[in-house]
C-alpha atoms as a PDB file:
ATOM      1  CA  MET A   1      -0.052   0.252  -0.303  1.00  0.00           C
ATOM      2  CA  THR A   2       1.379   3.630  -1.227  1.00  0.00           C
ATOM      3  CA  VAL A   3       0.874   6.542   1.504  1.00  0.00           C
ATOM      4  CA  GLU A   4       0.468   9.752  -0.182  1.00  0.00           C
ATOM      5  CA  PRO A   5       2.467  12.420   1.262  1.00  0.00           C
ATOM      6  CA  LEU A   6       0.709  14.889   2.937  1.00  0.00           C
ATOM      7  CA  ASP A   7      -0.231  18.058   0.670  1.00  0.00           C
ATOM      8  CA  PRO A   8       1.838  20.875   2.408  1.00  0.00           C
ATOM      9  CA  ARG A   9      -0.312  23.621   1.001  1.00  0.00           C
ATOM     10  CA  PRO A  10      -2.885  23.905   3.520  1.00  0.00           C
ATOM     11  CA  ALA A  11      -0.806  24.428   6.104  1.00  0.00           C
ATOM     12  CA  ARG A  12       1.107  27.016   4.354  1.00  0.00           C
ATOM     13  CA  SER A  13      -2.342  28.654   3.550  1.00  0.00           C
ATOM     14  CA  ASP A  14      -3.466  28.428   7.388  1.00  0.00           C
ATOM     15  CA  ALA A  15      -0.349  30.443   8.324  1.00  0.00           C
ATOM     16  CA  GLN A  16      -0.541  32.957   5.796  1.00  0.00           C
ATOM     17  CA  ARG A  17      -3.997  33.617   6.569  1.00  0.00           C
ATOM     18  CA  ASN A  18      -3.387  33.196  10.393  1.00  0.00           C
ATOM     19  CA  ARG A  19      -0.269  35.875   9.519  1.00  0.00           C
ATOM     20  CA  ALA A  20      -2.851  38.327   7.713  1.00  0.00           C
ATOM     21  CA  ARG A  21      -5.463  38.241  10.806  1.00  0.00           C
ATOM     22  CA  LEU A  22      -2.814  39.143  13.492  1.00  0.00           C
ATOM     23  CA  LEU A  23      -1.447  42.191  11.185  1.00  0.00           C
ATOM     24  CA  ALA A  24      -5.256  43.086  10.854  1.00  0.00           C
ATOM     25  CA  ALA A  25      -5.981  42.718  14.438  1.00  0.00           C
ATOM     26  CA  ALA A  26      -2.346  44.496  15.382  1.00  0.00           C
ATOM     27  CA  ARG A  27      -3.082  47.370  13.114  1.00  0.00           C
ATOM     28  CA  GLU A  28      -6.730  47.781  15.316  1.00  0.00           C
ATOM     29  CA  VAL A  29      -5.195  47.272  18.803  1.00  0.00           C
ATOM     30  CA  PHE A  30      -1.954  49.535  18.299  1.00  0.00           C
ATOM     31  CA  GLY A  31      -4.293  52.133  16.442  1.00  0.00           C
ATOM     32  CA  ALA A  32      -6.369  52.605  19.483  1.00  0.00           C
ATOM     33  CA  ASP A  33      -3.470  51.816  22.228  1.00  0.00           C
ATOM     34  CA  GLY A  34      -0.290  52.340  20.723  1.00  0.00           C
ATOM     35  CA  VAL A  35       2.749  50.183  19.897  1.00  0.00           C
ATOM     36  CA  ASP A  36       2.755  49.014  23.352  1.00  0.00           C
ATOM     37  CA  ALA A  37      -0.651  47.593  23.837  1.00  0.00           C
ATOM     38  CA  ARG A  38      -0.848  44.101  25.053  1.00  0.00           C
ATOM     39  CA  LEU A  39      -0.206  41.328  22.673  1.00  0.00           C
ATOM     40  CA  ASP A  40      -2.450  38.506  23.569  1.00  0.00           C
ATOM     41  CA  GLU A  41      -5.137  41.436  22.885  1.00  0.00           C
ATOM     42  CA  VAL A  42      -3.985  41.247  19.345  1.00  0.00           C
ATOM     43  CA  ALA A  43      -3.960  37.138  19.258  1.00  0.00           C
ATOM     44  CA  ARG A  44      -7.687  37.338  21.062  1.00  0.00           C
ATOM     45  CA  ARG A  45      -8.747  39.752  18.453  1.00  0.00           C
ATOM     46  CA  ALA A  46      -7.305  37.330  15.411  1.00  0.00           C
ATOM     47  CA  GLY A  47      -8.731  34.492  16.686  1.00  0.00           C
ATOM     48  CA  VAL A  48      -5.810  32.665  17.537  1.00  0.00           C
ATOM     49  CA  GLY A  49      -3.567  31.578  20.556  1.00  0.00           C
ATOM     50  CA  ILE A  50      -1.028  33.765  21.869  1.00  0.00           C
ATOM     51  CA  ALA A  51       1.887  31.054  20.777  1.00  0.00           C
ATOM     52  CA  THR A  52       0.657  31.525  17.111  1.00  0.00           C
ATOM     53  CA  LEU A  53       1.558  35.186  17.555  1.00  0.00           C
ATOM     54  CA  TYR A  54       4.870  34.294  18.618  1.00  0.00           C
ATOM     55  CA  ARG A  55       5.305  31.596  15.934  1.00  0.00           C
ATOM     56  CA  HIS A  56       4.852  34.505  13.105  1.00  0.00           C
ATOM     57  CA  PHE A  57       6.084  37.094  15.573  1.00  0.00           C
ATOM     58  CA  PRO A  58       8.835  36.317  17.716  1.00  0.00           C
ATOM     59  CA  SER A  59       9.170  39.826  19.596  1.00  0.00           C
ATOM     60  CA  ARG A  60       6.645  42.844  19.785  1.00  0.00           C
ATOM     61  CA  ASP A  61       9.260  44.691  17.427  1.00  0.00           C
ATOM     62  CA  ASP A  62       9.047  41.712  14.693  1.00  0.00           C
ATOM     63  CA  LEU A  63       4.882  42.424  14.752  1.00  0.00           C
ATOM     64  CA  VAL A  64       5.478  46.288  14.423  1.00  0.00           C
ATOM     65  CA  ASP A  65       8.419  46.185  12.178  1.00  0.00           C
ATOM     66  CA  ALA A  66       6.171  43.732   9.534  1.00  0.00           C
ATOM     67  CA  LEU A  67       3.245  46.311  10.425  1.00  0.00           C
ATOM     68  CA  PHE A  68       5.065  49.569   9.446  1.00  0.00           C
ATOM     69  CA  ALA A  69       6.524  47.885   6.421  1.00  0.00           C
ATOM     70  CA  GLU A  70       3.038  47.191   4.908  1.00  0.00           C
ATOM     71  CA  ARG A  71       1.911  50.384   5.368  1.00  0.00           C
ATOM     72  CA  VAL A  72       5.054  52.038   4.300  1.00  0.00           C
ATOM     73  CA  GLU A  73       4.806  50.207   1.223  1.00  0.00           C
ATOM     74  CA  GLU A  74       1.129  51.514   0.397  1.00  0.00           C
ATOM     75  CA  PHE A  75       2.341  54.653   1.456  1.00  0.00           C
ATOM     76  CA  LEU A  76       5.246  55.178  -1.213  1.00  0.00           C
ATOM     77  CA  ALA A  77       2.706  53.365  -4.091  1.00  0.00           C
ATOM     78  CA  VAL A  78       0.208  56.367  -3.593  1.00  0.00           C
ATOM     79  CA  ALA A  79       3.236  58.859  -3.058  1.00  0.00           C
ATOM     80  CA  GLU A  80       4.824  57.958  -6.715  1.00  0.00           C
ATOM     81  CA  SER A  81       1.159  58.344  -8.036  1.00  0.00           C
ATOM     82  CA  ALA A  82       0.753  61.762  -6.900  1.00  0.00           C
ATOM     83  CA  LEU A  83       4.431  62.591  -8.161  1.00  0.00           C
ATOM     84  CA  ALA A  84       3.474  61.354 -11.555  1.00  0.00           C
ATOM     85  CA  THR A  85       0.925  64.285 -12.333  1.00  0.00           C
ATOM     86  CA  GLY A  86       1.344  66.662 -14.835  1.00  0.00           C
ATOM     87  CA  ASP A  87       2.460  69.238 -12.693  1.00  0.00           C
ATOM     88  CA  ALA A  88       4.981  70.169 -10.443  1.00  0.00           C
ATOM     89  CA  TRP A  89       2.561  72.405  -7.970  1.00  0.00           C
ATOM     90  CA  THR A  90      -0.259  69.404  -8.207  1.00  0.00           C
ATOM     91  CA  GLY A  91       2.323  66.766  -7.442  1.00  0.00           C
ATOM     92  CA  LEU A  92       3.524  68.503  -4.402  1.00  0.00           C
ATOM     93  CA  CYS A  93      -0.048  69.490  -3.058  1.00  0.00           C
ATOM     94  CA  ARG A  94      -1.106  65.808  -3.446  1.00  0.00           C
ATOM     95  CA  LEU A  95       1.875  64.148  -2.164  1.00  0.00           C
ATOM     96  CA  LEU A  96       1.316  66.420   0.917  1.00  0.00           C
ATOM     97  CA  GLU A  97      -1.957  65.580   1.629  1.00  0.00           C
ATOM     98  CA  THR A  98      -1.170  62.102   0.935  1.00  0.00           C
ATOM     99  CA  THR A  99       1.327  62.239   3.482  1.00  0.00           C
ATOM    100  CA  LEU A 100      -1.156  63.894   5.961  1.00  0.00           C
ATOM    101  CA  GLU A 101      -3.961  61.351   5.564  1.00  0.00           C
ATOM    102  CA  PHE A 102      -1.752  58.413   6.440  1.00  0.00           C
ATOM    103  CA  GLN A 103      -0.119  60.416   9.720  1.00  0.00           C
ATOM    104  CA  SER A 104      -3.818  60.956  10.555  1.00  0.00           C
ATOM    105  CA  GLY A 105      -5.221  57.879  10.120  1.00  0.00           C
ATOM    106  CA  ASP A 106      -2.426  55.522  11.282  1.00  0.00           C
ATOM    107  CA  ARG A 107      -1.157  56.133  14.974  1.00  0.00           C
ATOM    108  CA  VAL A 108       1.375  53.331  14.022  1.00  0.00           C
ATOM    109  CA  LEU A 109       2.980  54.986  11.241  1.00  0.00           C
ATOM    110  CA  LYS A 110       3.388  58.145  13.055  1.00  0.00           C
ATOM    111  CA  GLN A 111       4.436  56.551  16.463  1.00  0.00           C
ATOM    112  CA  VAL A 112       6.942  54.089  14.881  1.00  0.00           C
ATOM    113  CA  PHE A 113       8.645  56.945  12.845  1.00  0.00           C
ATOM    114  CA  LEU A 114       8.865  59.371  16.399  1.00  0.00           C
ATOM    115  CA  SER A 115      10.029  57.002  18.537  1.00  0.00           C
ATOM    116  CA  HIS A 116      12.254  54.935  16.320  1.00  0.00           C
ATOM    117  CA  PRO A 117      15.736  56.594  15.713  1.00  0.00           C
ATOM    118  CA  PRO A 118      17.463  57.258  12.663  1.00  0.00           C
ATOM    119  CA  GLY A 119      20.034  54.370  11.703  1.00  0.00           C
ATOM    120  CA  GLU A 120      17.604  51.559  12.380  1.00  0.00           C
ATOM    121  CA  GLY A 121      17.890  49.037   9.592  1.00  0.00           C
ATOM    122  CA  ALA A 122      14.612  48.744   7.539  1.00  0.00           C
ATOM    123  CA  LEU A 123      13.080  51.915   9.487  1.00  0.00           C
ATOM    124  CA  ASP A 124      16.402  53.914   7.875  1.00  0.00           C
ATOM    125  CA  GLU A 125      15.756  52.630   4.356  1.00  0.00           C
ATOM    126  CA  SER A 126      12.121  53.823   4.538  1.00  0.00           C
ATOM    127  CA  ARG A 127      13.080  57.183   5.594  1.00  0.00           C
ATOM    128  CA  ARG A 128      15.569  57.389   2.891  1.00  0.00           C
ATOM    129  CA  ARG A 129      13.168  56.583   0.240  1.00  0.00           C
ATOM    130  CA  MET A 130      10.631  59.092   1.574  1.00  0.00           C
ATOM    131  CA  ARG A 131      12.949  61.623   1.564  1.00  0.00           C
ATOM    132  CA  GLU A 132      13.603  61.007  -2.031  1.00  0.00           C
ATOM    133  CA  LEU A 133      10.408  61.468  -3.085  1.00  0.00           C
ATOM    134  CA  PHE A 134      10.018  64.900  -1.048  1.00  0.00           C
ATOM    135  CA  GLY A 135      13.135  65.887  -2.679  1.00  0.00           C
ATOM    136  CA  ARG A 136      12.014  65.039  -5.992  1.00  0.00           C
ATOM    137  CA  ALA A 137       8.876  66.887  -5.295  1.00  0.00           C
ATOM    138  CA  LEU A 138      10.337  69.915  -3.984  1.00  0.00           C
ATOM    139  CA  ASP A 139      13.224  69.913  -6.871  1.00  0.00           C
ATOM    140  CA  ARG A 140      10.571  69.450  -9.736  1.00  0.00           C
ATOM    141  CA  ALA A 141       8.382  72.817  -7.728  1.00  0.00           C
ATOM    142  CA  HIS A 142      11.612  74.421  -7.584  1.00  0.00           C
ATOM    143  CA  ALA A 143      12.764  74.317 -11.289  1.00  0.00           C
ATOM    144  CA  GLU A 144       9.025  75.169 -12.457  1.00  0.00           C
ATOM    145  CA  GLY A 145       9.037  78.426 -10.088  1.00  0.00           C
ATOM    146  CA  VAL A 146       6.027  77.405  -8.490  1.00  0.00           C
ATOM    147  CA  VAL A 147       7.617  77.188  -4.652  1.00  0.00           C
ATOM    148  CA  ARG A 148       9.245  79.768  -3.034  1.00  0.00           C
ATOM    149  CA  ALA A 149      13.661  79.258  -3.650  1.00  0.00           C
ATOM    150  CA  GLU A 150      14.177  79.224   0.010  1.00  0.00           C
ATOM    151  CA  PHE A 151      11.942  76.647   1.205  1.00  0.00           C
ATOM    152  CA  GLY A 152      14.125  73.464   1.203  1.00  0.00           C
ATOM    153  CA  PRO A 153      13.573  70.278   2.567  1.00  0.00           C
ATOM    154  CA  ALA A 154      14.419  70.964   5.968  1.00  0.00           C
ATOM    155  CA  ASP A 155      11.441  73.890   6.143  1.00  0.00           C
ATOM    156  CA  LEU A 156       9.176  71.185   4.676  1.00  0.00           C
ATOM    157  CA  THR A 157      10.305  68.398   7.369  1.00  0.00           C
ATOM    158  CA  ILE A 158       9.082  71.176  10.121  1.00  0.00           C
ATOM    159  CA  ALA A 159       6.134  72.128   8.158  1.00  0.00           C
ATOM    160  CA  LEU A 160       5.186  68.698   8.302  1.00  0.00           C
ATOM    161  CA  TRP A 161       5.792  68.341  12.315  1.00  0.00           C
ATOM    162  CA  SER A 162       3.357  71.204  12.869  1.00  0.00           C
ATOM    163  CA  PHE A 163       0.440  68.748  11.763  1.00  0.00           C
ATOM    164  CA  GLY A 164       0.742  66.520  14.202  1.00  0.00           C
ATOM    165  CA  PRO A 165      -0.722  68.530  17.620  1.00  0.00           C
ATOM    166  CA  VAL A 166      -3.308  69.467  15.261  1.00  0.00           C
ATOM    167  CA  VAL A 167      -4.270  66.020  14.156  1.00  0.00           C
ATOM    168  CA  ASP A 168      -3.865  64.484  17.699  1.00  0.00           C
ATOM    169  CA  ALA A 169      -6.027  67.704  19.150  1.00  0.00           C
ATOM    170  CA  THR A 170      -8.649  67.540  16.479  1.00  0.00           C
ATOM    171  CA  GLU A 171      -9.354  63.773  15.597  1.00  0.00           C
ATOM    172  CA  ALA A 172     -12.356  63.074  17.911  1.00  0.00           C
ATOM    173  CA  VAL A 173     -14.065  66.531  17.388  1.00  0.00           C
ATOM    174  CA  ALA A 174     -13.240  67.197  13.655  1.00  0.00           C
ATOM    175  CA  PRO A 175     -11.094  64.660  11.918  1.00  0.00           C
ATOM    176  CA  GLY A 176     -10.589  66.638   8.651  1.00  0.00           C
ATOM    177  CA  ALA A 177      -9.666  69.961  10.580  1.00  0.00           C
ATOM    178  CA  TRP A 178      -5.571  69.216   9.863  1.00  0.00           C
ATOM    179  CA  ARG A 179      -6.611  69.770   5.672  1.00  0.00           C
ATOM    180  CA  ARG A 180      -7.486  73.508   6.372  1.00  0.00           C
ATOM    181  CA  HIS A 181      -4.113  74.211   8.260  1.00  0.00           C
ATOM    182  CA  LEU A 182      -2.668  72.073   5.013  1.00  0.00           C
ATOM    183  CA  HIS A 183      -4.200  75.239   2.787  1.00  0.00           C
ATOM    184  CA  TRP A 184      -2.514  77.620   4.604  1.00  0.00           C
ATOM    185  CA  LEU A 185       0.248  75.997   4.337  1.00  0.00           C
ATOM    186  CA  LEU A 186       0.522  75.537   0.706  1.00  0.00           C
ATOM    187  CA  ASP A 187      -0.546  79.482   0.393  1.00  0.00           C
ATOM    188  CA  GLY A 188       2.220  80.408   2.583  1.00  0.00           C
ATOM    189  CA  ILE A 189       5.138  78.453   0.140  1.00  0.00           C
ATOM    190  CA  ARG A 190       3.880  79.664  -2.963  1.00  0.00           C
ATOM    191  CA  ALA A 191       6.531  81.624  -5.086  1.00  0.00           C
ATOM    192  CA  ASP A 192       4.176  84.498  -6.046  1.00  0.00           C
ATOM    193  CA  ALA A 193       3.228  84.875  -2.347  1.00  0.00           C
ATOM    194  CA  ALA A 194       6.679  84.941  -1.076  1.00  0.00           C
ATOM    195  CA  THR A 195       8.218  87.656   1.370  1.00  0.00           C
ATOM    196  CA  PRO A 196      11.603  87.687   2.350  1.00  0.00           C
ATOM    197  CA  GLN A 197      12.961  85.738   4.925  1.00  0.00           C
ATOM    198  CA  ASP A 198      16.199  86.920   7.599  1.00  0.00           C
ATOM    199  CA  VAL A 199      16.329  83.639   9.448  1.00  0.00           C
ATOM    200  CA  PRO A 200      18.282  81.065   7.815  1.00  0.00           C
ATOM    201  CA  PRO A 201      16.817  77.186   7.176  1.00  0.00           C
ATOM    202  CA  LEU A 202      18.434  74.614   9.740  1.00  0.00           C
ATOM    203  CA  ASP A 203      21.103  72.424   8.403  1.00  0.00           C
ATOM    204  CA  GLU A 204      21.439  68.850   8.704  1.00  0.00           C
ATOM    205  CA  ALA A 205      22.897  68.715  12.041  1.00  0.00           C
ATOM    206  CA  GLN A 206      20.390  70.887  13.163  1.00  0.00           C
ATOM    207  CA  LEU A 207      17.408  69.301  11.745  1.00  0.00           C
ATOM    208  CA  ALA A 208      18.679  65.819  13.151  1.00  0.00           C
ATOM    209  CA  GLU A 209      19.538  67.210  16.566  1.00  0.00           C
ATOM    210  CA  ALA A 210      15.759  68.797  16.893  1.00  0.00           C
ATOM    211  CA  THR A 211      14.182  65.457  15.603  1.00  0.00           C
ATOM    212  CA  ALA A 212      15.809  63.884  18.301  1.00  0.00           C
ATOM    213  CA  ARG A 213      14.672  66.436  20.807  1.00  0.00           C
ATOM    214  CA  LEU A 214      11.333  66.224  19.472  1.00  0.00           C
ATOM    215  CA  ARG A 215      11.243  62.283  19.569  1.00  0.00           C
ATOM    216  CA  GLU A 216      12.381  62.778  22.739  1.00  0.00           C
ATOM    217  CA  GLN A 217       9.625  65.069  24.163  1.00  0.00           C
ATOM    218  CA  ARG A 218       6.797  62.829  22.425  1.00  0.00           C
ATOM    219  CA  PHE A 219       8.527  59.466  23.419  1.00  0.00           C
ATOM    220  CA  PRO A 220      10.581  59.826  26.447  1.00  0.00           C
ATOM    221  CA  ARG A 221      12.898  57.071  27.428  1.00  0.00           C
ATOM    222  CA  ARG A 222      11.328  54.573  30.134  1.00  0.00           C
ATOM    223  CA  PRO A 223      13.719  54.169  33.073  1.00  0.00           C
ATOM    224  CA  GLY A 224      14.891  50.497  32.884  1.00  0.00           C
ATOM    225  CA  PRO A 225      14.810  47.857  35.644  1.00  0.00           C
ATOM    226  CA  PRO A 226      17.203  48.363  38.577  1.00  0.00           C
ATOM    227  CA  ARG A 227      20.280  46.321  38.128  1.00  0.00           C
ATOM    228  CA  ARG A 228      21.007  43.457  40.496  1.00  0.00           C
ATOM    229  CA  ALA A 229      24.091  43.415  42.638  1.00  0.00           C
END
């Protein structure tokens, strides 16, 4: 009697479904309670045991990284589409609107970017790709003369920071309020509305230090457990 080997595909299919459920549940739980939320709640909402969660994601960081990578790829695809529009001004406006839609609608994306310093593997690569997109949009806008000449990448970074408090303060009472703030910003950076600036932009070192200070303010380091003698 010949025994046919078991088809491994159902097992792989089950594993893929469980992974997808875990990511969907993590998006909900982390979106509501932050990336420090309980992992057993993620497993419960996904309809699996905690052991299944750890088989797919051995640590919290593994789960957060997978969720983050998924969202970043979605963002980059939409951002590339925005940059493919016919004129530089429309492309820049759509890129900024896309960025803020993701920021306002995804607490995980925002929290991971702010709480993890540069130089950390896949996150650093995601930052590099995003900087490239924003750089392309600004270069194109400058080349077409639609954005004031002195408005550079550091200015854009700081401008985007200003939306965090707006989103946090209004999301429960007026979720779209940030769009009004965006229109003020866009009006202010148009070349035909430019006024002389006496204050220079931040250089790379100043921007890096300011970013670190913002990160520490929003996500202060927690003291570790006392060391045993």
